[in-house]
Amino acid sequence: MTHTEIAAFKEAIFKRGMIKISNMPKSNLATRWGYFESSMTRKYASQFGSVNFAIYMNEYAFCRKQSASISAMFQK
């Protein structure tokens, strides 16, 4: 990755508060997680369509990103 690509990647992480596995820099870890993500998608495609993994900076970032889903869950 170039310095510019690294800077853009870091900025995206801080703006969203998360790293999507599909957006991780190419590495052995990213490849292994990508295979796992694909296997989960194949296994659960009939229930969810696709499965996507993300790593959140902290619980606040997770709740902020998932607020609509969390609110809907508590309204049932």
PDB file of N, CA and C in Angstrom:
ATOM      1  N   MET A   1       0.846  -1.183   0.000  1.00  0.00           N
ATOM      2  CA  MET A   1       0.000   0.000   0.000  1.00  0.00           C
ATOM      3  C   MET A   1       0.888   1.242   0.000  1.00  0.00           C
ATOM      4  N   THR A   2       0.416   2.239  -0.678  1.00  0.00           N
ATOM      5  CA  THR A   2       1.143   3.505  -0.692  1.00  0.00           C
ATOM      6  C   THR A   2       0.782   4.300   0.556  1.00  0.00           C
ATOM      7  N   HIS A   3       1.558   5.334   0.797  1.00  0.00           N
ATOM      8  CA  HIS A   3       1.294   6.209   1.949  1.00  0.00           C
ATOM      9  C   HIS A   3      -0.105   6.813   1.844  1.00  0.00           C
ATOM     10  N   THR A   4      -0.510   7.199   0.648  1.00  0.00           N
ATOM     11  CA  THR A   4      -1.836   7.784   0.427  1.00  0.00           C
ATOM     12  C   THR A   4      -2.933   6.764   0.710  1.00  0.00           C
ATOM     13  N   GLU A   5      -2.743   5.523   0.269  1.00  0.00           N
ATOM     14  CA  GLU A   5      -3.731   4.471   0.521  1.00  0.00           C
ATOM     15  C   GLU A   5      -3.848   4.174   2.012  1.00  0.00           C
ATOM     16  N   ILE A   6      -2.721   4.154   2.698  1.00  0.00           N
ATOM     17  CA  ILE A   6      -2.723   3.911   4.147  1.00  0.00           C
ATOM     18  C   ILE A   6      -3.450   5.044   4.858  1.00  0.00           C
ATOM     19  N   ALA A   7      -3.175   6.289   4.461  1.00  0.00           N
ATOM     20  CA  ALA A   7      -3.839   7.439   5.078  1.00  0.00           C
ATOM     21  C   ALA A   7      -5.351   7.383   4.853  1.00  0.00           C
ATOM     22  N   ALA A   8      -5.772   7.020   3.656  1.00  0.00           N
ATOM     23  CA  ALA A   8      -7.206   6.912   3.356  1.00  0.00           C
ATOM     24  C   ALA A   8      -7.847   5.791   4.163  1.00  0.00           C
ATOM     25  N   PHE A   9      -7.128   4.674   4.313  1.00  0.00           N
ATOM     26  CA  PHE A   9      -7.633   3.553   5.106  1.00  0.00           C
ATOM     27  C   PHE A   9      -7.817   3.968   6.557  1.00  0.00           C
ATOM     28  N   LYS A  10      -6.827   4.638   7.131  1.00  0.00           N
ATOM     29  CA  LYS A  10      -6.924   5.098   8.524  1.00  0.00           C
ATOM     30  C   LYS A  10      -8.083   6.076   8.696  1.00  0.00           C
ATOM     31  N   GLU A  11      -8.235   6.992   7.758  1.00  0.00           N
ATOM     32  CA  GLU A  11      -9.318   7.973   7.847  1.00  0.00           C
ATOM     33  C   GLU A  11     -10.676   7.284   7.810  1.00  0.00           C
ATOM     34  N   ALA A  12     -10.815   6.280   6.939  1.00  0.00           N
ATOM     35  CA  ALA A  12     -12.080   5.538   6.855  1.00  0.00           C
ATOM     36  C   ALA A  12     -12.385   4.826   8.169  1.00  0.00           C
ATOM     37  N   ILE A  13     -11.361   4.269   8.800  1.00  0.00           N
ATOM     38  CA  ILE A  13     -11.558   3.592  10.080  1.00  0.00           C
ATOM     39  C   ILE A  13     -12.076   4.572  11.129  1.00  0.00           C
ATOM     40  N   PHE A  14     -11.448   5.723  11.226  1.00  0.00           N
ATOM     41  CA  PHE A  14     -11.836   6.681  12.255  1.00  0.00           C
ATOM     42  C   PHE A  14     -13.201   7.301  11.980  1.00  0.00           C
ATOM     43  N   LYS A  15     -13.557   7.502  10.726  1.00  0.00           N
ATOM     44  CA  LYS A  15     -14.871   8.060  10.402  1.00  0.00           C
ATOM     45  C   LYS A  15     -15.982   7.073  10.722  1.00  0.00           C
ATOM     46  N   ARG A  16     -15.780   5.803  10.396  1.00  0.00           N
ATOM     47  CA  ARG A  16     -16.816   4.787  10.592  1.00  0.00           C
ATOM     48  C   ARG A  16     -16.730   4.115  11.940  1.00  0.00           C
ATOM     49  N   GLY A  17     -15.557   4.119  12.554  1.00  0.00           N
ATOM     50  CA  GLY A  17     -15.385   3.434  13.828  1.00  0.00           C
ATOM     51  C   GLY A  17     -15.288   1.934  13.684  1.00  0.00           C
ATOM     52  N   MET A  18     -15.015   1.472  12.455  1.00  0.00           N
ATOM     53  CA  MET A  18     -14.954   0.037  12.214  1.00  0.00           C
ATOM     54  C   MET A  18     -14.091  -0.263  11.000  1.00  0.00           C
ATOM     55  N   ILE A  19     -13.668  -1.496  10.927  1.00  0.00           N
ATOM     56  CA  ILE A  19     -12.939  -1.991   9.764  1.00  0.00           C
ATOM     57  C   ILE A  19     -13.762  -3.133   9.191  1.00  0.00           C
ATOM     58  N   LYS A  20     -14.204  -2.994   7.964  1.00  0.00           N
ATOM     59  CA  LYS A  20     -14.867  -4.113   7.295  1.00  0.00           C
ATOM     60  C   LYS A  20     -13.778  -5.060   6.817  1.00  0.00           C
ATOM     61  N   ILE A  21     -13.985  -6.333   7.007  1.00  0.00           N
ATOM     62  CA  ILE A  21     -12.991  -7.332   6.610  1.00  0.00           C
ATOM     63  C   ILE A  21     -12.670  -7.195   5.122  1.00  0.00           C
ATOM     64  N   SER A  22     -13.685  -6.917   4.318  1.00  0.00           N
ATOM     65  CA  SER A  22     -13.473  -6.793   2.872  1.00  0.00           C
ATOM     66  C   SER A  22     -12.608  -5.589   2.504  1.00  0.00           C
ATOM     67  N   ASN A  23     -12.445  -4.640   3.411  1.00  0.00           N
ATOM     68  CA  ASN A  23     -11.642  -3.446   3.139  1.00  0.00           C
ATOM     69  C   ASN A  23     -10.266  -3.483   3.794  1.00  0.00           C
ATOM     70  N   MET A  24      -9.938  -4.585   4.447  1.00  0.00           N
ATOM     71  CA  MET A  24      -8.635  -4.682   5.104  1.00  0.00           C
ATOM     72  C   MET A  24      -7.524  -4.739   4.060  1.00  0.00           C
ATOM     73  N   PRO A  25      -6.345  -4.247   4.404  1.00  0.00           N
ATOM     74  CA  PRO A  25      -5.201  -4.389   3.493  1.00  0.00           C
ATOM     75  C   PRO A  25      -4.917  -5.866   3.255  1.00  0.00           C
ATOM     76  N   LYS A  26      -4.417  -6.176   2.101  1.00  0.00           N
ATOM     77  CA  LYS A  26      -4.103  -7.574   1.768  1.00  0.00           C
ATOM     78  C   LYS A  26      -3.069  -8.122   2.740  1.00  0.00           C
ATOM     79  N   SER A  27      -3.429  -9.246   3.371  1.00  0.00           N
ATOM     80  CA  SER A  27      -2.543  -9.910   4.322  1.00  0.00           C
ATOM     81  C   SER A  27      -3.043 -11.335   4.497  1.00  0.00           C
ATOM     82  N   ASN A  28      -2.243 -12.162   5.143  1.00  0.00           N
ATOM     83  CA  ASN A  28      -2.680 -13.530   5.427  1.00  0.00           C
ATOM     84  C   ASN A  28      -3.923 -13.538   6.312  1.00  0.00           C
ATOM     85  N   LEU A  29      -3.951 -12.653   7.316  1.00  0.00           N
ATOM     86  CA  LEU A  29      -5.104 -12.578   8.211  1.00  0.00           C
ATOM     87  C   LEU A  29      -6.359 -12.179   7.447  1.00  0.00           C
ATOM     88  N   ALA A  30      -6.259 -11.158   6.620  1.00  0.00           N
ATOM     89  CA  ALA A  30      -7.417 -10.709   5.844  1.00  0.00           C
ATOM     90  C   ALA A  30      -7.905 -11.815   4.915  1.00  0.00           C
ATOM     91  N   THR A  31      -6.988 -12.550   4.324  1.00  0.00           N
ATOM     92  CA  THR A  31      -7.356 -13.653   3.439  1.00  0.00           C
ATOM     93  C   THR A  31      -8.091 -14.741   4.203  1.00  0.00           C
ATOM     94  N   ARG A  32      -7.574 -15.135   5.369  1.00  0.00           N
ATOM     95  CA  ARG A  32      -8.222 -16.177   6.167  1.00  0.00           C
ATOM     96  C   ARG A  32      -9.613 -15.738   6.615  1.00  0.00           C
ATOM     97  N   TRP A  33      -9.727 -14.495   7.088  1.00  0.00           N
ATOM     98  CA  TRP A  33     -11.035 -13.995   7.509  1.00  0.00           C
ATOM     99  C   TRP A  33     -11.977 -13.898   6.317  1.00  0.00           C
ATOM    100  N   GLY A  34     -11.457 -13.532   5.154  1.00  0.00           N
ATOM    101  CA  GLY A  34     -12.278 -13.466   3.942  1.00  0.00           C
ATOM    102  C   GLY A  34     -12.841 -14.834   3.579  1.00  0.00           C
ATOM    103  N   TYR A  35     -12.020 -15.875   3.682  1.00  0.00           N
ATOM    104  CA  TYR A  35     -12.496 -17.238   3.434  1.00  0.00           C
ATOM    105  C   TYR A  35     -13.583 -17.626   4.441  1.00  0.00           C
ATOM    106  N   PHE A  36     -13.374 -17.280   5.701  1.00  0.00           N
ATOM    107  CA  PHE A  36     -14.369 -17.592   6.732  1.00  0.00           C
ATOM    108  C   PHE A  36     -15.675 -16.848   6.453  1.00  0.00           C
ATOM    109  N   GLU A  37     -15.569 -15.568   6.101  1.00  0.00           N
ATOM    110  CA  GLU A  37     -16.742 -14.765   5.776  1.00  0.00           C
ATOM    111  C   GLU A  37     -17.498 -15.392   4.598  1.00  0.00           C
ATOM    112  N   SER A  38     -16.770 -15.826   3.587  1.00  0.00           N
ATOM    113  CA  SER A  38     -17.395 -16.470   2.420  1.00  0.00           C
ATOM    114  C   SER A  38     -18.076 -17.773   2.796  1.00  0.00           C
ATOM    115  N   SER A  39     -17.436 -18.551   3.661  1.00  0.00           N
ATOM    116  CA  SER A  39     -18.044 -19.825   4.066  1.00  0.00           C
ATOM    117  C   SER A  39     -19.320 -19.587   4.875  1.00  0.00           C
ATOM    118  N   MET A  40     -19.345 -18.549   5.704  1.00  0.00           N
ATOM    119  CA  MET A  40     -20.547 -18.223   6.468  1.00  0.00           C
ATOM    120  C   MET A  40     -21.653 -17.730   5.535  1.00  0.00           C
ATOM    121  N   THR A  41     -21.288 -16.971   4.518  1.00  0.00           N
ATOM    122  CA  THR A  41     -22.273 -16.506   3.545  1.00  0.00           C
ATOM    123  C   THR A  41     -22.894 -17.694   2.820  1.00  0.00           C
ATOM    124  N   ARG A  42     -22.058 -18.637   2.380  1.00  0.00           N
ATOM    125  CA  ARG A  42     -22.593 -19.819   1.696  1.00  0.00           C
ATOM    126  C   ARG A  42     -23.503 -20.622   2.623  1.00  0.00           C
ATOM    127  N   LYS A  43     -23.092 -20.776   3.865  1.00  0.00           N
ATOM    128  CA  LYS A  43     -23.855 -21.581   4.819  1.00  0.00           C
ATOM    129  C   LYS A  43     -25.207 -20.944   5.162  1.00  0.00           C
ATOM    130  N   TYR A  44     -25.244 -19.613   5.291  1.00  0.00           N
ATOM    131  CA  TYR A  44     -26.449 -18.933   5.758  1.00  0.00           C
ATOM    132  C   TYR A  44     -27.112 -18.052   4.703  1.00  0.00           C
ATOM    133  N   ALA A  45     -26.765 -18.240   3.440  1.00  0.00           N
ATOM    134  CA  ALA A  45     -27.312 -17.404   2.366  1.00  0.00           C
ATOM    135  C   ALA A  45     -28.839 -17.430   2.329  1.00  0.00           C
ATOM    136  N   SER A  46     -29.436 -18.584   2.610  1.00  0.00           N
ATOM    137  CA  SER A  46     -30.898 -18.684   2.566  1.00  0.00           C
ATOM    138  C   SER A  46     -31.567 -17.857   3.661  1.00  0.00           C
ATOM    139  N   GLN A  47     -30.860 -17.605   4.753  1.00  0.00           N
ATOM    140  CA  GLN A  47     -31.446 -16.842   5.864  1.00  0.00           C
ATOM    141  C   GLN A  47     -31.095 -15.360   5.814  1.00  0.00           C
ATOM    142  N   PHE A  48     -29.866 -15.032   5.374  1.00  0.00           N
ATOM    143  CA  PHE A  48     -29.406 -13.654   5.461  1.00  0.00           C
ATOM    144  C   PHE A  48     -29.005 -13.033   4.120  1.00  0.00           C
ATOM    145  N   GLY A  49     -28.873 -13.818   3.089  1.00  0.00           N
ATOM    146  CA  GLY A  49     -28.378 -13.282   1.821  1.00  0.00           C
ATOM    147  C   GLY A  49     -26.866 -13.270   1.802  1.00  0.00           C
ATOM    148  N   SER A  50     -26.276 -12.450   2.635  1.00  0.00           N
ATOM    149  CA  SER A  50     -24.816 -12.447   2.754  1.00  0.00           C
ATOM    150  C   SER A  50     -24.436 -12.139   4.200  1.00  0.00           C
ATOM    151  N   VAL A  51     -23.262 -12.584   4.569  1.00  0.00           N
ATOM    152  CA  VAL A  51     -22.728 -12.351   5.907  1.00  0.00           C
ATOM    153  C   VAL A  51     -21.486 -11.493   5.735  1.00  0.00           C
ATOM    154  N   ASN A  52     -21.416 -10.403   6.483  1.00  0.00           N
ATOM    155  CA  ASN A  52     -20.267  -9.506   6.412  1.00  0.00           C
ATOM    156  C   ASN A  52     -19.721  -9.294   7.811  1.00  0.00           C
ATOM    157  N   PHE A  53     -18.413  -9.343   7.922  1.00  0.00           N
ATOM    158  CA  PHE A  53     -17.758  -9.156   9.208  1.00  0.00           C
ATOM    159  C   PHE A  53     -17.142  -7.765   9.293  1.00  0.00           C
ATOM    160  N   ALA A  54     -17.119  -7.241  10.506  1.00  0.00           N
ATOM    161  CA  ALA A  54     -16.459  -5.965  10.763  1.00  0.00           C
ATOM    162  C   ALA A  54     -15.871  -6.006  12.164  1.00  0.00           C
ATOM    163  N   ILE A  55     -14.815  -5.258  12.343  1.00  0.00           N
ATOM    164  CA  ILE A  55     -14.191  -5.108  13.658  1.00  0.00           C
ATOM    165  C   ILE A  55     -14.436  -3.665  14.076  1.00  0.00           C
ATOM    166  N   TYR A  56     -15.095  -3.500  15.219  1.00  0.00           N
ATOM    167  CA  TYR A  56     -15.420  -2.161  15.708  1.00  0.00           C
ATOM    168  C   TYR A  56     -14.354  -1.672  16.679  1.00  0.00           C
ATOM    169  N   MET A  57     -14.147  -0.359  16.686  1.00  0.00           N
ATOM    170  CA  MET A  57     -13.154   0.245  17.572  1.00  0.00           C
ATOM    171  C   MET A  57     -13.515   0.032  19.038  1.00  0.00           C
ATOM    172  N   ASN A  58     -14.820   0.093  19.335  1.00  0.00           N
ATOM    173  CA  ASN A  58     -15.282  -0.056  20.713  1.00  0.00           C
ATOM    174  C   ASN A  58     -16.804  -0.273  20.696  1.00  0.00           C
ATOM    175  N   GLU A  59     -17.374  -0.470  21.859  1.00  0.00           N
ATOM    176  CA  GLU A  59     -18.800  -0.729  21.968  1.00  0.00           C
ATOM    177  C   GLU A  59     -19.627   0.470  21.500  1.00  0.00           C
ATOM    178  N   TYR A  60     -19.165   1.667  21.794  1.00  0.00           N
ATOM    179  CA  TYR A  60     -19.889   2.872  21.365  1.00  0.00           C
ATOM    180  C   TYR A  60     -19.996   2.912  19.836  1.00  0.00           C
ATOM    181  N   ALA A  61     -18.899   2.639  19.133  1.00  0.00           N
ATOM    182  CA  ALA A  61     -18.917   2.649  17.669  1.00  0.00           C
ATOM    183  C   ALA A  61     -19.888   1.602  17.133  1.00  0.00           C
ATOM    184  N   PHE A  62     -19.922   0.434  17.764  1.00  0.00           N
ATOM    185  CA  PHE A  62     -20.858  -0.613  17.358  1.00  0.00           C
ATOM    186  C   PHE A  62     -22.297  -0.140  17.545  1.00  0.00           C
ATOM    187  N   CYS A  63     -22.620   0.378  18.710  1.00  0.00           N
ATOM    188  CA  CYS A  63     -23.983   0.825  18.999  1.00  0.00           C
ATOM    189  C   CYS A  63     -24.399   1.965  18.081  1.00  0.00           C
ATOM    190  N   ARG A  64     -23.483   2.896  17.827  1.00  0.00           N
ATOM    191  CA  ARG A  64     -23.786   4.023  16.934  1.00  0.00           C
ATOM    192  C   ARG A  64     -24.094   3.518  15.532  1.00  0.00           C
ATOM    193  N   LYS A  65     -23.309   2.591  15.041  1.00  0.00           N
ATOM    194  CA  LYS A  65     -23.499   2.053  13.692  1.00  0.00           C
ATOM    195  C   LYS A  65     -24.762   1.199  13.612  1.00  0.00           C
ATOM    196  N   GLN A  66     -25.095   0.500  14.671  1.00  0.00           N
ATOM    197  CA  GLN A  66     -26.220  -0.425  14.675  1.00  0.00           C
ATOM    198  C   GLN A  66     -27.465   0.143  15.347  1.00  0.00           C
ATOM    199  N   SER A  67     -27.523   1.434  15.593  1.00  0.00           N
ATOM    200  CA  SER A  67     -28.602   2.018  16.396  1.00  0.00           C
ATOM    201  C   SER A  67     -29.992   1.706  15.851  1.00  0.00           C
ATOM    202  N   ALA A  68     -30.188   1.751  14.538  1.00  0.00           N
ATOM    203  CA  ALA A  68     -31.509   1.469  13.978  1.00  0.00           C
ATOM    204  C   ALA A  68     -31.901   0.017  14.241  1.00  0.00           C
ATOM    205  N   SER A  69     -30.965  -0.903  14.052  1.00  0.00           N
ATOM    206  CA  SER A  69     -31.246  -2.326  14.287  1.00  0.00           C
ATOM    207  C   SER A  69     -31.513  -2.585  15.756  1.00  0.00           C
ATOM    208  N   ILE A  70     -30.736  -1.965  16.626  1.00  0.00           N
ATOM    209  CA  ILE A  70     -30.904  -2.155  18.071  1.00  0.00           C
ATOM    210  C   ILE A  70     -32.256  -1.588  18.506  1.00  0.00           C
ATOM    211  N   SER A  71     -32.630  -0.416  18.011  1.00  0.00           N
ATOM    212  CA  SER A  71     -33.917   0.180  18.357  1.00  0.00           C
ATOM    213  C   SER A  71     -35.072  -0.705  17.907  1.00  0.00           C
ATOM    214  N   ALA A  72     -34.996  -1.235  16.688  1.00  0.00           N
ATOM    215  CA  ALA A  72     -36.049  -2.116  16.180  1.00  0.00           C
ATOM    216  C   ALA A  72     -36.162  -3.378  17.028  1.00  0.00           C
ATOM    217  N   MET A  73     -35.054  -3.883  17.509  1.00  0.00           N
ATOM    218  CA  MET A  73     -35.059  -5.096  18.315  1.00  0.00           C
ATOM    219  C   MET A  73     -35.823  -4.879  19.624  1.00  0.00           C
ATOM    220  N   PHE A  74     -35.666  -3.699  20.236  1.00  0.00           N
ATOM    221  CA  PHE A  74     -36.308  -3.433  21.514  1.00  0.00           C
ATOM    222  C   PHE A  74     -37.767  -3.018  21.352  1.00  0.00           C
ATOM    223  N   GLN A  75     -38.213  -2.672  20.138  1.00  0.00           N
ATOM    224  CA  GLN A  75     -39.592  -2.291  19.914  1.00  0.00           C
ATOM    225  C   GLN A  75     -40.498  -3.470  19.664  1.00  0.00           C
ATOM    226  N   LYS A  76     -39.932  -4.654  19.494  1.00  0.00           N
ATOM    227  CA  LYS A  76     -40.747  -5.850  19.219  1.00  0.00           C
ATOM    228  C   LYS A  76     -41.454  -6.332  20.449  1.00  0.00           C
TER     229      LYS A  76
END
